[in-house]
Amino acid sequence: SCVASGRTFSSYNYNMGWFRQAPGKEREF
């Protein structure tokens, strides 16, 4: 889960992504 917050945050204003990073590797989509 990823919970977003912010003083003026609205979920409808953002596309969201998930990435991962394994040890010794670059972060990947």
PDB file of all heavy atoms in Angstrom:
ATOM      1  N   SER A   1       0.844  -1.189   0.000  1.00  0.00           N
ATOM      2  CA  SER A   1       0.000   0.000   0.000  1.00  0.00           C
ATOM      3  C   SER A   1       0.879   1.239   0.000  1.00  0.00           C
ATOM      4  O   SER A   1       1.986   1.238   0.545  1.00  0.00           O
ATOM      5  CB  SER A   1      -0.907   0.026   1.235  1.00  0.00           C
ATOM      6  OG  SER A   1      -1.768  -1.080   1.266  1.00  0.00           O
ATOM      7  N   CYS A   2       0.365   2.289  -0.588  1.00  0.00           N
ATOM      8  CA  CYS A   2       1.055   3.569  -0.600  1.00  0.00           C
ATOM      9  C   CYS A   2       0.013   4.650  -0.307  1.00  0.00           C
ATOM     10  O   CYS A   2      -0.896   4.856  -1.115  1.00  0.00           O
ATOM     11  CB  CYS A   2       1.728   3.817  -1.942  1.00  0.00           C
ATOM     12  SG  CYS A   2       2.408   5.473  -2.139  1.00  0.00           S
ATOM     13  N   VAL A   3       0.151   5.297   0.833  1.00  0.00           N
ATOM     14  CA  VAL A   3      -0.780   6.350   1.219  1.00  0.00           C
ATOM     15  C   VAL A   3      -0.149   7.703   0.931  1.00  0.00           C
ATOM     16  O   VAL A   3       0.984   7.974   1.349  1.00  0.00           O
ATOM     17  CB  VAL A   3      -1.157   6.245   2.707  1.00  0.00           C
ATOM     18  CG1 VAL A   3      -2.099   7.373   3.094  1.00  0.00           C
ATOM     19  CG2 VAL A   3      -1.795   4.897   3.001  1.00  0.00           C
ATOM     20  N   ALA A   4      -0.893   8.527   0.225  1.00  0.00           N
ATOM     21  CA  ALA A   4      -0.407   9.864  -0.139  1.00  0.00           C
ATOM     22  C   ALA A   4      -1.082  10.927   0.707  1.00  0.00           C
ATOM     23  O   ALA A   4      -2.259  10.808   1.070  1.00  0.00           O
ATOM     24  CB  ALA A   4      -0.662  10.126  -1.619  1.00  0.00           C
ATOM     25  N   SER A   5      -0.343  11.977   1.003  1.00  0.00           N
ATOM     26  CA  SER A   5      -0.907  13.085   1.769  1.00  0.00           C
ATOM     27  C   SER A   5      -0.188  14.369   1.389  1.00  0.00           C
ATOM     28  O   SER A   5       0.862  14.356   0.757  1.00  0.00           O
ATOM     29  CB  SER A   5      -0.790  12.818   3.268  1.00  0.00           C
ATOM     30  OG  SER A   5       0.568  12.736   3.651  1.00  0.00           O
ATOM     31  N   GLY A   6      -0.779  15.457   1.779  1.00  0.00           N
ATOM     32  CA  GLY A   6      -0.208  16.764   1.502  1.00  0.00           C
ATOM     33  C   GLY A   6      -1.279  17.807   1.677  1.00  0.00           C
ATOM     34  O   GLY A   6      -2.463  17.511   1.547  1.00  0.00           O
ATOM     35  N   ARG A   7      -0.852  19.010   1.960  1.00  0.00           N
ATOM     36  CA  ARG A   7      -1.811  20.062   2.300  1.00  0.00           C
ATOM     37  C   ARG A   7      -2.825  20.274   1.189  1.00  0.00           C
ATOM     38  O   ARG A   7      -4.003  20.482   1.443  1.00  0.00           O
ATOM     39  CB  ARG A   7      -1.067  21.353   2.614  1.00  0.00           C
ATOM     40  CG  ARG A   7      -1.940  22.433   3.237  1.00  0.00           C
ATOM     41  CD  ARG A   7      -1.073  23.552   3.792  1.00  0.00           C
ATOM     42  NE  ARG A   7      -0.279  24.191   2.750  1.00  0.00           N
ATOM     43  CZ  ARG A   7      -0.717  25.202   2.015  1.00  0.00           C
ATOM     44  NH1 ARG A   7      -1.936  25.668   2.196  1.00  0.00           N
ATOM     45  NH2 ARG A   7       0.060  25.753   1.091  1.00  0.00           N
ATOM     46  N   THR A   8      -2.388  20.194  -0.056  1.00  0.00           N
ATOM     47  CA  THR A   8      -3.306  20.424  -1.174  1.00  0.00           C
ATOM     48  C   THR A   8      -3.407  19.209  -2.078  1.00  0.00           C
ATOM     49  O   THR A   8      -3.840  19.301  -3.213  1.00  0.00           O
ATOM     50  CB  THR A   8      -2.850  21.633  -2.004  1.00  0.00           C
ATOM     51  OG1 THR A   8      -1.539  21.369  -2.507  1.00  0.00           O
ATOM     52  CG2 THR A   8      -2.848  22.904  -1.169  1.00  0.00           C
ATOM     53  N   PHE A   9      -3.022  18.054  -1.545  1.00  0.00           N
ATOM     54  CA  PHE A   9      -2.979  16.853  -2.381  1.00  0.00           C
ATOM     55  C   PHE A   9      -4.363  16.390  -2.771  1.00  0.00           C
ATOM     56  O   PHE A   9      -5.266  16.328  -1.939  1.00  0.00           O
ATOM     57  CB  PHE A   9      -2.247  15.727  -1.644  1.00  0.00           C
ATOM     58  CG  PHE A   9      -2.173  14.456  -2.431  1.00  0.00           C
ATOM     59  CD1 PHE A   9      -1.195  14.282  -3.388  1.00  0.00           C
ATOM     60  CD2 PHE A   9      -3.100  13.440  -2.237  1.00  0.00           C
ATOM     61  CE1 PHE A   9      -1.119  13.121  -4.136  1.00  0.00           C
ATOM     62  CE2 PHE A   9      -3.047  12.273  -2.974  1.00  0.00           C
ATOM     63  CZ  PHE A   9      -2.043  12.113  -3.924  1.00  0.00           C
ATOM     64  N   SER A  10      -4.498  16.032  -4.057  1.00  0.00           N
ATOM     65  CA  SER A  10      -5.701  15.375  -4.566  1.00  0.00           C
ATOM     66  C   SER A  10      -5.256  14.223  -5.449  1.00  0.00           C
ATOM     67  O   SER A  10      -4.479  14.410  -6.377  1.00  0.00           O
ATOM     68  CB  SER A  10      -6.553  16.343  -5.378  1.00  0.00           C
ATOM     69  OG  SER A  10      -7.597  15.637  -6.032  1.00  0.00           O
ATOM     70  N   SER A  11      -5.756  13.031  -5.145  1.00  0.00           N
ATOM     71  CA  SER A  11      -5.348  11.847  -5.910  1.00  0.00           C
ATOM     72  C   SER A  11      -5.622  11.996  -7.391  1.00  0.00           C
ATOM     73  O   SER A  11      -4.887  11.456  -8.217  1.00  0.00           O
ATOM     74  CB  SER A  11      -6.077  10.615  -5.372  1.00  0.00           C
ATOM     75  OG  SER A  11      -5.565  10.238  -4.122  1.00  0.00           O
ATOM     76  N   TYR A  12      -6.686  12.724  -7.743  1.00  0.00           N
ATOM     77  CA  TYR A  12      -7.057  12.849  -9.149  1.00  0.00           C
ATOM     78  C   TYR A  12      -6.059  13.692  -9.943  1.00  0.00           C
ATOM     79  O   TYR A  12      -6.151  13.772 -11.163  1.00  0.00           O
ATOM     80  CB  TYR A  12      -8.462  13.433  -9.271  1.00  0.00           C
ATOM     81  CG  TYR A  12      -9.528  12.466  -8.833  1.00  0.00           C
ATOM     82  CD1 TYR A  12     -10.105  12.558  -7.579  1.00  0.00           C
ATOM     83  CD2 TYR A  12      -9.947  11.436  -9.679  1.00  0.00           C
ATOM     84  CE1 TYR A  12     -11.080  11.657  -7.171  1.00  0.00           C
ATOM     85  CE2 TYR A  12     -10.918  10.536  -9.280  1.00  0.00           C
ATOM     86  CZ  TYR A  12     -11.479  10.656  -8.019  1.00  0.00           C
ATOM     87  OH  TYR A  12     -12.440   9.758  -7.626  1.00  0.00           O
ATOM     88  N   ASN A  13      -5.108  14.291  -9.266  1.00  0.00           N
ATOM     89  CA  ASN A  13      -4.102  15.103  -9.944  1.00  0.00           C
ATOM     90  C   ASN A  13      -2.803  14.370 -10.213  1.00  0.00           C
ATOM     91  O   ASN A  13      -1.876  14.952 -10.785  1.00  0.00           O
ATOM     92  CB  ASN A  13      -3.788  16.353  -9.119  1.00  0.00           C
ATOM     93  CG  ASN A  13      -4.916  17.356  -9.146  1.00  0.00           C
ATOM     94  OD1 ASN A  13      -5.726  17.373 -10.075  1.00  0.00           O
ATOM     95  ND2 ASN A  13      -4.991  18.198  -8.125  1.00  0.00           N
ATOM     96  N   TYR A  14      -2.735  13.088  -9.810  1.00  0.00           N
ATOM     97  CA  TYR A  14      -1.459  12.380  -9.941  1.00  0.00           C
ATOM     98  C   TYR A  14      -1.617  10.985 -10.526  1.00  0.00           C
ATOM     99  O   TYR A  14      -2.450  10.191 -10.077  1.00  0.00           O
ATOM    100  CB  TYR A  14      -0.785  12.251  -8.566  1.00  0.00           C
ATOM    101  CG  TYR A  14      -0.321  13.583  -8.023  1.00  0.00           C
ATOM    102  CD1 TYR A  14      -1.142  14.349  -7.210  1.00  0.00           C
ATOM    103  CD2 TYR A  14       0.943  14.080  -8.351  1.00  0.00           C
ATOM    104  CE1 TYR A  14      -0.728  15.581  -6.736  1.00  0.00           C
ATOM    105  CE2 TYR A  14       1.368  15.310  -7.873  1.00  0.00           C
ATOM    106  CZ  TYR A  14       0.530  16.048  -7.067  1.00  0.00           C
ATOM    107  OH  TYR A  14       0.944  17.248  -6.598  1.00  0.00           O
ATOM    108  N   ASN A  15      -0.788  10.696 -11.519  1.00  0.00           N
ATOM    109  CA  ASN A  15      -0.547   9.314 -11.907  1.00  0.00           C
ATOM    110  C   ASN A  15       0.458   8.744 -10.907  1.00  0.00           C
ATOM    111  O   ASN A  15       1.297   9.479 -10.374  1.00  0.00           O
ATOM    112  CB  ASN A  15       0.050   9.237 -13.320  1.00  0.00           C
ATOM    113  CG  ASN A  15      -0.912   9.729 -14.376  1.00  0.00           C
ATOM    114  OD1 ASN A  15      -2.125   9.715 -14.183  1.00  0.00           O
ATOM    115  ND2 ASN A  15      -0.375  10.177 -15.493  1.00  0.00           N
ATOM    116  N   MET A  16       0.348   7.455 -10.646  1.00  0.00           N
ATOM    117  CA  MET A  16       1.202   6.837  -9.640  1.00  0.00           C
ATOM    118  C   MET A  16       1.991   5.685 -10.241  1.00  0.00           C
ATOM    119  O   MET A  16       1.520   4.990 -11.135  1.00  0.00           O
ATOM    120  CB  MET A  16       0.357   6.312  -8.474  1.00  0.00           C
ATOM    121  CG  MET A  16      -0.481   7.369  -7.774  1.00  0.00           C
ATOM    122  SD  MET A  16       0.500   8.621  -6.940  1.00  0.00           S
ATOM    123  CE  MET A  16       1.217   7.638  -5.622  1.00  0.00           C
ATOM    124  N   GLY A  17       3.182   5.487  -9.690  1.00  0.00           N
ATOM    125  CA  GLY A  17       4.022   4.396 -10.162  1.00  0.00           C
ATOM    126  C   GLY A  17       4.597   3.596  -9.005  1.00  0.00           C
ATOM    127  O   GLY A  17       4.700   4.091  -7.878  1.00  0.00           O
ATOM    128  N   TRP A  18       4.925   2.364  -9.299  1.00  0.00           N
ATOM    129  CA  TRP A  18       5.667   1.497  -8.374  1.00  0.00           C
ATOM    130  C   TRP A  18       7.003   1.151  -9.027  1.00  0.00           C
ATOM    131  O   TRP A  18       7.039   0.785 -10.215  1.00  0.00           O
ATOM    132  CB  TRP A  18       4.911   0.214  -8.065  1.00  0.00           C
ATOM    133  CG  TRP A  18       3.780   0.372  -7.101  1.00  0.00           C
ATOM    134  CD1 TRP A  18       2.449   0.494  -7.407  1.00  0.00           C
ATOM    135  CD2 TRP A  18       3.863   0.409  -5.676  1.00  0.00           C
ATOM    136  NE1 TRP A  18       1.708   0.613  -6.261  1.00  0.00           N
ATOM    137  CE2 TRP A  18       2.552   0.548  -5.180  1.00  0.00           C
ATOM    138  CE3 TRP A  18       4.911   0.326  -4.761  1.00  0.00           C
ATOM    139  CZ2 TRP A  18       2.261   0.617  -3.810  1.00  0.00           C
ATOM    140  CZ3 TRP A  18       4.632   0.395  -3.403  1.00  0.00           C
ATOM    141  CH2 TRP A  18       3.323   0.536  -2.944  1.00  0.00           C
ATOM    142  N   PHE A  19       8.056   1.254  -8.254  1.00  0.00           N
ATOM    143  CA  PHE A  19       9.397   0.900  -8.696  1.00  0.00           C
ATOM    144  C   PHE A  19      10.014  -0.024  -7.657  1.00  0.00           C
ATOM    145  O   PHE A  19       9.508  -0.135  -6.543  1.00  0.00           O
ATOM    146  CB  PHE A  19      10.264   2.166  -8.829  1.00  0.00           C
ATOM    147  CG  PHE A  19       9.864   3.063  -9.971  1.00  0.00           C
ATOM    148  CD1 PHE A  19       8.726   3.859  -9.885  1.00  0.00           C
ATOM    149  CD2 PHE A  19      10.616   3.114 -11.133  1.00  0.00           C
ATOM    150  CE1 PHE A  19       8.341   4.677 -10.938  1.00  0.00           C
ATOM    151  CE2 PHE A  19      10.251   3.935 -12.192  1.00  0.00           C
ATOM    152  CZ  PHE A  19       9.112   4.717 -12.092  1.00  0.00           C
ATOM    153  N   ARG A  20      11.113  -0.659  -8.020  1.00  0.00           N
ATOM    154  CA  ARG A  20      11.825  -1.495  -7.060  1.00  0.00           C
ATOM    155  C   ARG A  20      13.319  -1.407  -7.312  1.00  0.00           C
ATOM    156  O   ARG A  20      13.760  -1.113  -8.416  1.00  0.00           O
ATOM    157  CB  ARG A  20      11.358  -2.952  -7.139  1.00  0.00           C
ATOM    158  CG  ARG A  20      11.670  -3.653  -8.456  1.00  0.00           C
ATOM    159  CD  ARG A  20      11.014  -5.034  -8.464  1.00  0.00           C
ATOM    160  NE  ARG A  20      11.276  -5.752  -9.713  1.00  0.00           N
ATOM    161  CZ  ARG A  20      10.720  -6.916 -10.021  1.00  0.00           C
ATOM    162  NH1 ARG A  20       9.864  -7.496  -9.181  1.00  0.00           N
ATOM    163  NH2 ARG A  20      11.006  -7.504 -11.160  1.00  0.00           N
ATOM    164  N   GLN A  21      14.060  -1.667  -6.241  1.00  0.00           N
ATOM    165  CA  GLN A  21      15.519  -1.632  -6.336  1.00  0.00           C
ATOM    166  C   GLN A  21      16.094  -2.783  -5.542  1.00  0.00           C
ATOM    167  O   GLN A  21      15.924  -2.848  -4.319  1.00  0.00           O
ATOM    168  CB  GLN A  21      16.070  -0.301  -5.828  1.00  0.00           C
ATOM    169  CG  GLN A  21      17.550  -0.138  -6.059  1.00  0.00           C
ATOM    170  CD  GLN A  21      18.017   1.295  -5.851  1.00  0.00           C
ATOM    171  OE1 GLN A  21      17.321   2.104  -5.245  1.00  0.00           O
ATOM    172  NE2 GLN A  21      19.188   1.616  -6.377  1.00  0.00           N
ATOM    173  N   ALA A  22      16.738  -3.688  -6.253  1.00  0.00           N
ATOM    174  CA  ALA A  22      17.406  -4.824  -5.627  1.00  0.00           C
ATOM    175  C   ALA A  22      18.830  -4.425  -5.264  1.00  0.00           C
ATOM    176  O   ALA A  22      19.396  -3.497  -5.854  1.00  0.00           O
ATOM    177  CB  ALA A  22      17.410  -6.010  -6.582  1.00  0.00           C
ATOM    178  N   PRO A  23      19.441  -5.124  -4.307  1.00  0.00           N
ATOM    179  CA  PRO A  23      20.811  -4.787  -3.904  1.00  0.00           C
ATOM    180  C   PRO A  23      21.769  -4.792  -5.085  1.00  0.00           C
ATOM    181  O   PRO A  23      21.794  -5.745  -5.867  1.00  0.00           O
ATOM    182  CB  PRO A  23      21.154  -5.893  -2.895  1.00  0.00           C
ATOM    183  CG  PRO A  23      19.839  -6.324  -2.358  1.00  0.00           C
ATOM    184  CD  PRO A  23      18.873  -6.215  -3.494  1.00  0.00           C
ATOM    185  N   GLY A  24      22.532  -3.725  -5.227  1.00  0.00           N
ATOM    186  CA  GLY A  24      23.515  -3.646  -6.292  1.00  0.00           C
ATOM    187  C   GLY A  24      22.962  -3.343  -7.663  1.00  0.00           C
ATOM    188  O   GLY A  24      23.714  -3.337  -8.643  1.00  0.00           O
ATOM    189  N   LYS A  25      21.658  -3.095  -7.744  1.00  0.00           N
ATOM    190  CA  LYS A  25      21.036  -2.818  -9.038  1.00  0.00           C
ATOM    191  C   LYS A  25      20.395  -1.438  -9.038  1.00  0.00           C
ATOM    192  O   LYS A  25      20.152  -0.847  -7.999  1.00  0.00           O
ATOM    193  CB  LYS A  25      20.003  -3.887  -9.370  1.00  0.00           C
ATOM    194  CG  LYS A  25      20.589  -5.277  -9.567  1.00  0.00           C
ATOM    195  CD  LYS A  25      19.553  -6.242 -10.076  1.00  0.00           C
ATOM    196  CE  LYS A  25      20.153  -7.612 -10.342  1.00  0.00           C
ATOM    197  NZ  LYS A  25      19.135  -8.573 -10.877  1.00  0.00           N
ATOM    198  N   GLU A  26      20.109  -0.957 -10.231  1.00  0.00           N
ATOM    199  CA  GLU A  26      19.438   0.321 -10.356  1.00  0.00           C
ATOM    200  C   GLU A  26      17.944   0.173 -10.071  1.00  0.00           C
ATOM    201  O   GLU A  26      17.364  -0.909 -10.205  1.00  0.00           O
ATOM    202  CB  GLU A  26      19.649   0.879 -11.767  1.00  0.00           C
ATOM    203  CG  GLU A  26      21.099   1.247 -12.077  1.00  0.00           C
ATOM    204  CD  GLU A  26      21.247   1.953 -13.405  1.00  0.00           C
ATOM    205  OE1 GLU A  26      20.262   2.014 -14.157  1.00  0.00           O
ATOM    206  OE2 GLU A  26      22.356   2.441 -13.687  1.00  0.00           O
ATOM    207  N   ARG A  27      17.348   1.282  -9.699  1.00  0.00           N
ATOM    208  CA  ARG A  27      15.910   1.283  -9.477  1.00  0.00           C
ATOM    209  C   ARG A  27      15.200   1.063 -10.815  1.00  0.00           C
ATOM    210  O   ARG A  27      15.555   1.664 -11.824  1.00  0.00           O
ATOM    211  CB  ARG A  27      15.475   2.615  -8.859  1.00  0.00           C
ATOM    212  CG  ARG A  27      14.077   2.617  -8.316  1.00  0.00           C
ATOM    213  CD  ARG A  27      13.806   3.874  -7.497  1.00  0.00           C
ATOM    214  NE  ARG A  27      14.702   3.969  -6.338  1.00  0.00           N
ATOM    215  CZ  ARG A  27      14.562   4.875  -5.376  1.00  0.00           C
ATOM    216  NH1 ARG A  27      13.568   5.756  -5.431  1.00  0.00           N
ATOM    217  NH2 ARG A  27      15.409   4.906  -4.374  1.00  0.00           N
ATOM    218  N   GLU A  28      14.188   0.187 -10.819  1.00  0.00           N
ATOM    219  CA  GLU A  28      13.509  -0.152 -12.062  1.00  0.00           C
ATOM    220  C   GLU A  28      11.998  -0.021 -11.918  1.00  0.00           C
ATOM    221  O   GLU A  28      11.437  -0.196 -10.843  1.00  0.00           O
ATOM    222  CB  GLU A  28      13.856  -1.579 -12.499  1.00  0.00           C
ATOM    223  CG  GLU A  28      13.373  -2.663 -11.567  1.00  0.00           C
ATOM    224  CD  GLU A  28      13.598  -4.063 -12.136  1.00  0.00           C
ATOM    225  OE1 GLU A  28      14.152  -4.198 -13.241  1.00  0.00           O
ATOM    226  OE2 GLU A  28      13.204  -5.028 -11.444  1.00  0.00           O
ATOM    227  N   PHE A  29      11.374   0.249 -13.042  1.00  0.00           N
ATOM    228  CA  PHE A  29       9.923   0.394 -13.107  1.00  0.00           C
ATOM    229  C   PHE A  29       9.230  -0.948 -12.912  1.00  0.00           C
ATOM    230  O   PHE A  29       9.685  -1.980 -13.431  1.00  0.00           O
ATOM    231  CB  PHE A  29       9.548   0.981 -14.471  1.00  0.00           C
ATOM    232  CG  PHE A  29       8.080   0.988 -14.767  1.00  0.00           C
ATOM    233  CD1 PHE A  29       7.246   1.911 -14.166  1.00  0.00           C
ATOM    234  CD2 PHE A  29       7.540   0.071 -15.653  1.00  0.00           C
ATOM    235  CE1 PHE A  29       5.891   1.930 -14.452  1.00  0.00           C
ATOM    236  CE2 PHE A  29       6.186   0.076 -15.949  1.00  0.00           C
ATOM    237  CZ  PHE A  29       5.367   1.005 -15.342  1.00  0.00           C
TER     238      PHE A  29
END
